[in-house]
C-alpha atoms as a PDB file:
ATOM      1  CA  MET A   1     123.127 121.147 152.223  1.00  0.00           C
ATOM      2  CA  LYS A   2     126.797 122.288 153.274  1.00  0.00           C
ATOM      3  CA  SER A   3     127.030 123.730 156.677  1.00  0.00           C
ATOM      4  CA  ASP A   4     127.721 127.445 156.797  1.00  0.00           C
ATOM      5  CA  GLU A   5     129.115 128.381 160.216  1.00  0.00           C
ATOM      6  CA  ASN A   6     127.319 131.971 159.861  1.00  0.00           C
ATOM      7  CA  SER A   7     123.984 130.278 159.312  1.00  0.00           C
ATOM      8  CA  ILE A   8     121.453 129.688 161.973  1.00  0.00           C
ATOM      9  CA  TRP A   9     121.631 126.343 163.765  1.00  0.00           C
ATOM     10  CA  PHE A  10     118.544 124.403 164.858  1.00  0.00           C
ATOM     11  CA  HIS A  11     117.566 121.817 167.424  1.00  0.00           C
ATOM     12  CA  GLY A  12     114.401 119.975 167.851  1.00  0.00           C
ATOM     13  CA  SER A  13     113.036 118.474 170.806  1.00  0.00           C
ATOM     14  CA  PRO A  14     109.934 117.376 172.635  1.00  0.00           C
ATOM     15  CA  TYR A  15     111.548 118.798 175.861  1.00  0.00           C
ATOM     16  CA  ARG A  16     111.970 122.292 177.445  1.00  0.00           C
ATOM     17  CA  LEU A  17     115.830 122.765 177.418  1.00  0.00           C
ATOM     18  CA  ILE A  18     118.288 125.692 178.450  1.00  0.00           C
ATOM     19  CA  ARG A  19     121.272 124.023 176.862  1.00  0.00           C
ATOM     20  CA  LEU A  20     122.408 120.905 174.688  1.00  0.00           C
ATOM     21  CA  LEU A  21     124.871 118.491 175.962  1.00  0.00           C
ATOM     22  CA  ALA A  22     127.871 117.584 173.929  1.00  0.00           C
ATOM     23  CA  GLY A  23     126.942 114.998 171.359  1.00  0.00           C
ATOM     24  CA  SER A  24     123.424 116.504 170.858  1.00  0.00           C
ATOM     25  CA  THR A  25     122.085 116.635 166.992  1.00  0.00           C
ATOM     26  CA  ILE A  26     121.873 120.136 165.476  1.00  0.00           C
ATOM     27  CA  THR A  27     121.123 121.168 162.019  1.00  0.00           C
ATOM     28  CA  GLN A  28     120.804 124.233 159.505  1.00  0.00           C
ATOM     29  CA  ASP A  29     117.517 122.811 158.058  1.00  0.00           C
ATOM     30  CA  ARG A  30     114.833 124.201 160.257  1.00  0.00           C
ATOM     31  CA  GLN A  31     112.102 121.678 158.875  1.00  0.00           C
ATOM     32  CA  LEU A  32     114.226 118.846 159.996  1.00  0.00           C
ATOM     33  CA  ALA A  33     114.624 120.179 163.263  1.00  0.00           C
ATOM     34  CA  GLU A  34     110.994 120.800 163.649  1.00  0.00           C
ATOM     35  CA  VAL A  35     110.230 117.105 162.527  1.00  0.00           C
ATOM     36  CA  PHE A  36     112.975 115.775 165.192  1.00  0.00           C
ATOM     37  CA  SER A  37     110.937 117.815 167.989  1.00  0.00           C
ATOM     38  CA  HIS A  38     108.394 115.260 167.515  1.00  0.00           C
ATOM     39  CA  LYS A  39     110.717 112.319 168.639  1.00  0.00           C
ATOM     40  CA  PRO A  40     110.347 110.068 165.332  1.00  0.00           C
ATOM     41  CA  THR A  41     111.806 106.795 165.028  1.00  0.00           C
ATOM     42  CA  ILE A  42     111.685 106.945 161.177  1.00  0.00           C
ATOM     43  CA  VAL A  43     111.817 109.877 158.919  1.00  0.00           C
ATOM     44  CA  SER A  44     111.461 109.915 155.263  1.00  0.00           C
ATOM     45  CA  VAL A  45     112.686 112.378 152.971  1.00  0.00           C
ATOM     46  CA  GLU A  46     110.576 112.269 149.784  1.00  0.00           C
ATOM     47  CA  ASP A  47     111.815 113.126 146.088  1.00  0.00           C
ATOM     48  CA  ASP A  48     110.282 116.519 146.241  1.00  0.00           C
ATOM     49  CA  GLY A  49     112.101 117.161 149.681  1.00  0.00           C
ATOM     50  CA  ARG A  50     109.013 116.905 151.979  1.00  0.00           C
ATOM     51  CA  ILE A  51     109.846 115.327 155.408  1.00  0.00           C
ATOM     52  CA  ARG A  52     107.505 112.895 156.849  1.00  0.00           C
ATOM     53  CA  HIS A  53     107.733 111.030 159.973  1.00  0.00           C
ATOM     54  CA  ASN A  54     106.244 108.871 162.682  1.00  0.00           C
ATOM     55  CA  GLY A  55     106.752 111.163 165.458  1.00  0.00           C
ATOM     56  CA  ILE A  56     103.671 111.561 167.861  1.00  0.00           C
ATOM     57  CA  LEU A  57     104.922 114.220 170.282  1.00  0.00           C
ATOM     58  CA  PRO A  58     104.384 117.951 170.264  1.00  0.00           C
ATOM     59  CA  GLY A  59     107.902 119.649 170.495  1.00  0.00           C
ATOM     60  CA  TYR A  60     109.954 122.714 170.726  1.00  0.00           C
ATOM     61  CA  LEU A  61     112.366 124.555 168.289  1.00  0.00           C
ATOM     62  CA  TYR A  62     115.409 126.055 169.373  1.00  0.00           C
ATOM     63  CA  ILE A  63     118.381 128.104 167.763  1.00  0.00           C
ATOM     64  CA  ILE A  64     121.814 128.155 169.072  1.00  0.00           C
ATOM     65  CA  PRO A  65     122.374 131.975 169.983  1.00  0.00           C
ATOM     66  CA  GLU A  66     125.944 131.848 169.841  1.00  0.00           C
ATOM     67  CA  PRO A  67     128.608 131.433 166.384  1.00  0.00           C
ATOM     68  CA  LEU A  68     129.799 127.883 165.937  1.00  0.00           C
ATOM     69  CA  THR A  69     133.151 126.740 164.318  1.00  0.00           C
ATOM     70  CA  PRO A  70     133.914 123.596 162.604  1.00  0.00           C
ATOM     71  CA  ASP A  71     135.633 122.654 165.849  1.00  0.00           C
ATOM     72  CA  ASP A  72     132.417 122.681 167.398  1.00  0.00           C
ATOM     73  CA  LEU A  73     130.823 120.070 165.177  1.00  0.00           C
ATOM     74  CA  GLU A  74     131.040 116.729 163.520  1.00  0.00           C
ATOM     75  CA  PRO A  75     129.021 114.855 161.145  1.00  0.00           C
ATOM     76  CA  VAL A  76     126.652 112.313 162.435  1.00  0.00           C
ATOM     77  CA  PRO A  77     128.556 108.784 161.695  1.00  0.00           C
ATOM     78  CA  HIS A  78     126.430 106.488 159.520  1.00  0.00           C
ATOM     79  CA  SER A  79     123.525 109.033 158.985  1.00  0.00           C
ATOM     80  CA  THR A  80     121.008 108.045 156.414  1.00  0.00           C
ATOM     81  CA  MET A  81     120.361 111.777 155.656  1.00  0.00           C
ATOM     82  CA  GLU A  82     122.244 113.608 153.016  1.00  0.00           C
ATOM     83  CA  PRO A  83     125.788 114.791 153.743  1.00  0.00           C
ATOM     84  CA  ARG A  84     126.278 117.467 156.057  1.00  0.00           C
ATOM     85  CA  LYS A  85     122.679 117.613 156.909  1.00  0.00           C
ATOM     86  CA  GLU A  86     122.882 116.740 160.603  1.00  0.00           C
ATOM     87  CA  PHE A  87     125.782 117.335 162.970  1.00  0.00           C
ATOM     88  CA  LEU A  88     126.852 116.492 166.735  1.00  0.00           C
ATOM     89  CA  THR A  89     128.036 118.921 169.171  1.00  0.00           C
ATOM     90  CA  ARG A  90     131.566 118.625 170.628  1.00  0.00           C
ATOM     91  CA  ARG A  91     130.680 120.793 173.594  1.00  0.00           C
ATOM     92  CA  GLU A  92     127.762 121.869 175.581  1.00  0.00           C
ATOM     93  CA  LEU A  93     125.691 124.654 173.965  1.00  0.00           C
ATOM     94  CA  PRO A  94     123.249 127.277 175.161  1.00  0.00           C
ATOM     95  CA  VAL A  95     120.057 127.231 173.072  1.00  0.00           C
ATOM     96  CA  ARG A  96     117.069 129.613 172.843  1.00  0.00           C
ATOM     97  CA  MET A  97     113.259 128.559 172.125  1.00  0.00           C
ATOM     98  CA  ILE A  98     111.778 129.526 169.250  1.00  0.00           C
ATOM     99  CA  GLY A  99     108.483 128.382 170.044  1.00  0.00           C
ATOM    100  CA  PRO A 100     106.364 124.853 170.067  1.00  0.00           C
ATOM    101  CA  VAL A 101     106.076 123.003 166.850  1.00  0.00           C
ATOM    102  CA  GLU A 102     102.732 121.258 166.563  1.00  0.00           C
ATOM    103  CA  ILE A 103     102.450 117.950 164.553  1.00  0.00           C
ATOM    104  CA  ASN A 104     101.398 118.460 161.028  1.00  0.00           C
ATOM    105  CA  PRO A 105      99.077 115.563 160.092  1.00  0.00           C
ATOM    106  CA  LYS A 106      99.994 115.879 156.347  1.00  0.00           C
ATOM    107  CA  GLU A 107     103.704 114.928 157.564  1.00  0.00           C
ATOM    108  CA  LEU A 108     102.785 111.792 159.321  1.00  0.00           C
ATOM    109  CA  LEU A 109     103.662 108.292 157.865  1.00  0.00           C
ATOM    110  CA  LEU A 110     100.432 106.035 157.206  1.00  0.00           C
ATOM    111  CA  PRO A 111     100.539 102.926 159.291  1.00  0.00           C
ATOM    112  CA  GLU A 112     101.340 100.799 156.212  1.00  0.00           C
ATOM    113  CA  GLU A 113     104.327 102.853 155.295  1.00  0.00           C
ATOM    114  CA  ILE A 114     105.607 102.383 158.945  1.00  0.00           C
ATOM    115  CA  ARG A 115     105.110  98.712 158.402  1.00  0.00           C
ATOM    116  CA  GLU A 116     106.931  98.791 155.276  1.00  0.00           C
ATOM    117  CA  PHE A 117     109.916 100.807 156.689  1.00  0.00           C
ATOM    118  CA  LYS A 118     110.264  98.288 159.587  1.00  0.00           C
ATOM    119  CA  GLN A 119     110.113  95.198 157.173  1.00  0.00           C
ATOM    120  CA  ARG A 120     113.045  96.742 154.953  1.00  0.00           C
ATOM    121  CA  SER A 121     115.126  97.832 157.931  1.00  0.00           C
ATOM    122  CA  PRO A 122     117.676  95.295 158.980  1.00  0.00           C
ATOM    123  CA  LYS A 123     117.299  93.429 162.157  1.00  0.00           C
ATOM    124  CA  LYS A 124     119.709  94.130 165.042  1.00  0.00           C
ATOM    125  CA  GLY A 125     122.809  91.903 164.844  1.00  0.00           C
ATOM    126  CA  THR A 126     122.339  91.213 161.237  1.00  0.00           C
ATOM    127  CA  GLN A 127     124.144  92.428 158.223  1.00  0.00           C
ATOM    128  CA  ASP A 128     122.350  94.314 155.426  1.00  0.00           C
ATOM    129  CA  ASP A 129     123.548  92.452 152.126  1.00  0.00           C
ATOM    130  CA  SER A 130     122.313  95.408 149.947  1.00  0.00           C
ATOM    131  CA  ILE A 131     125.404  97.428 151.289  1.00  0.00           C
END
Protein backbone atom coordinates (compact mmCIF):
# COMPACT_ATOMS: atom_id res chain seq x y z
CA MET A 1 0.00 0.00 0.00
CA LYS A 2 1.41 3.36 -0.98
CA SER A 3 1.10 6.08 1.62
CA ASP A 4 -1.34 8.86 0.84
CA GLU A 5 -0.87 12.01 2.85
CA ASN A 6 -4.63 12.71 2.59
CA SER A 7 -5.63 9.35 4.10
CA ILE A 8 -6.29 8.56 7.73
CA TRP A 9 -3.28 7.50 9.78
CA PHE A 10 -3.68 4.95 12.60
CA HIS A 11 -1.73 3.88 15.64
CA GLY A 12 -2.48 0.89 17.87
CA SER A 13 -1.31 0.60 21.45
CA PRO A 14 -2.19 -1.32 24.62
CA TYR A 15 -1.85 2.03 26.46
CA ARG A 16 -4.11 5.06 26.76
CA LEU A 17 -2.40 7.92 24.93
CA ILE A 18 -2.89 11.61 24.21
CA ARG A 19 0.13 11.98 21.90
CA LEU A 20 2.82 9.99 20.10
CA LEU A 21 6.47 10.74 20.53
CA ALA A 22 8.76 11.16 17.53
CA GLY A 23 9.81 7.69 16.35
CA SER A 24 6.40 6.10 16.94
CA THR A 25 5.00 3.73 14.32
CA ILE A 26 1.89 4.66 12.35
CA THR A 27 0.12 3.12 9.36
CA GLN A 28 -2.76 3.74 6.99
CA ASP A 29 -3.83 0.10 7.43
CA ARG A 30 -6.45 0.02 10.19
CA GLN A 31 -6.26 -3.76 10.62
CA LEU A 32 -2.49 -3.62 11.08
CA ALA A 33 -2.83 -0.88 13.72
CA GLU A 34 -5.46 -2.96 15.52
CA VAL A 35 -3.11 -5.96 15.57
CA PHE A 36 -0.24 -3.85 16.92
CA SER A 37 -2.52 -2.60 19.71
CA HIS A 38 -2.13 -6.09 21.22
CA LYS A 39 1.69 -5.68 21.52
CA PRO A 40 2.63 -8.76 19.48
CA THR A 41 6.18 -9.98 19.08
CA ILE A 42 5.27 -11.99 15.94
CA VAL A 43 3.01 -10.75 13.13
CA SER A 44 2.28 -12.90 10.07
CA VAL A 45 0.54 -11.62 6.95
CA GLU A 46 -1.07 -14.62 5.24
CA ASP A 47 -1.21 -15.03 1.45
CA ASP A 48 -4.91 -14.12 1.55
CA GLY A 49 -4.13 -10.84 3.40
CA ARG A 50 -5.25 -11.99 6.85
CA ILE A 51 -3.01 -10.79 9.64
CA ARG A 52 -2.25 -13.19 12.50
CA HIS A 53 -0.19 -12.52 15.61
CA ASN A 54 0.77 -13.58 19.12
CA GLY A 55 -0.34 -10.41 20.94
CA ILE A 56 -2.12 -11.02 24.22
CA LEU A 57 -3.05 -7.53 25.48
CA PRO A 58 -6.34 -5.81 24.72
CA GLY A 59 -5.58 -2.46 23.16
CA TYR A 60 -6.76 0.83 21.75
CA LEU A 61 -6.99 2.19 18.23
CA TYR A 62 -6.07 5.81 17.55
CA ILE A 63 -6.11 8.18 14.60
CA ILE A 64 -3.82 11.11 13.97
CA PRO A 65 -6.28 14.06 13.85
CA GLU A 66 -4.14 16.36 11.74
CA PRO A 67 -2.77 16.21 8.20
CA LEU A 68 0.70 14.79 7.71
CA THR A 69 3.26 15.58 5.04
CA PRO A 70 6.15 13.46 3.75
CA ASP A 71 8.44 15.51 6.03
CA ASP A 72 6.55 14.09 9.05
CA LEU A 73 7.26 10.45 8.16
CA GLU A 74 9.97 7.98 7.29
CA PRO A 75 9.65 4.30 6.36
CA VAL A 76 10.48 1.82 9.11
CA PRO A 77 14.03 0.64 8.34
CA HIS A 78 14.49 -3.12 7.91
CA SER A 79 10.74 -3.72 8.12
CA THR A 80 9.50 -7.18 7.21
CA MET A 81 6.16 -5.66 6.11
CA GLU A 82 5.51 -4.86 2.48
CA PRO A 83 7.04 -1.51 1.45
CA ARG A 84 5.33 1.67 2.63
CA LYS A 85 3.08 -0.24 5.06
CA GLU A 86 4.42 1.23 8.30
CA PHE A 87 6.12 4.52 9.03
CA LEU A 88 7.95 6.25 11.87
CA THR A 89 6.92 9.72 12.95
CA ARG A 90 9.56 12.43 12.80
CA ARG A 91 7.80 14.65 15.32
CA GLU A 92 5.44 14.43 18.26
CA LEU A 93 1.82 14.03 17.13
CA PRO A 94 -1.54 14.27 18.88
CA VAL A 95 -3.81 11.20 18.77
CA ARG A 96 -7.54 10.69 19.17
CA MET A 97 -8.81 7.37 20.46
CA ILE A 98 -11.30 5.59 18.23
CA GLY A 99 -11.94 2.91 20.83
CA PRO A 100 -10.87 -0.35 22.41
CA VAL A 101 -9.69 -3.30 20.34
CA GLU A 102 -10.50 -6.74 21.70
CA ILE A 103 -8.38 -9.71 20.71
CA ASN A 104 -9.98 -11.79 17.97
CA PRO A 105 -9.15 -15.45 18.76
CA LYS A 106 -9.18 -16.25 15.00
CA GLU A 107 -6.18 -13.91 14.55
CA LEU A 108 -4.01 -15.63 17.15
CA LEU A 109 -1.14 -17.81 16.03
CA LEU A 110 -1.21 -21.35 17.41
CA PRO A 111 1.55 -22.37 19.85
CA GLU A 112 3.15 -24.64 17.22
CA GLU A 113 3.15 -21.76 14.69
CA ILE A 114 4.86 -19.50 17.23
CA ARG A 115 7.51 -22.17 17.88
CA GLU A 116 8.09 -22.51 14.11
CA PHE A 117 8.56 -18.74 13.70
CA LYS A 118 11.00 -18.65 16.61
CA GLN A 119 12.99 -21.57 15.17
CA ARG A 120 13.24 -19.86 11.76
CA SER A 121 14.26 -16.53 13.27
CA PRO A 122 18.02 -15.84 13.25
CA LYS A 123 19.56 -15.63 16.70
CA LYS A 124 20.83 -12.26 17.91
CA GLY A 125 24.41 -11.71 16.90
CA THR A 126 24.28 -14.16 13.98
CA GLN A 127 23.89 -13.53 10.29
CA ASP A 128 21.02 -15.03 8.30
CA ASP A 129 22.64 -16.74 5.29
CA SER A 130 19.37 -16.72 3.34
CA ILE A 131 19.56 -12.96 2.76
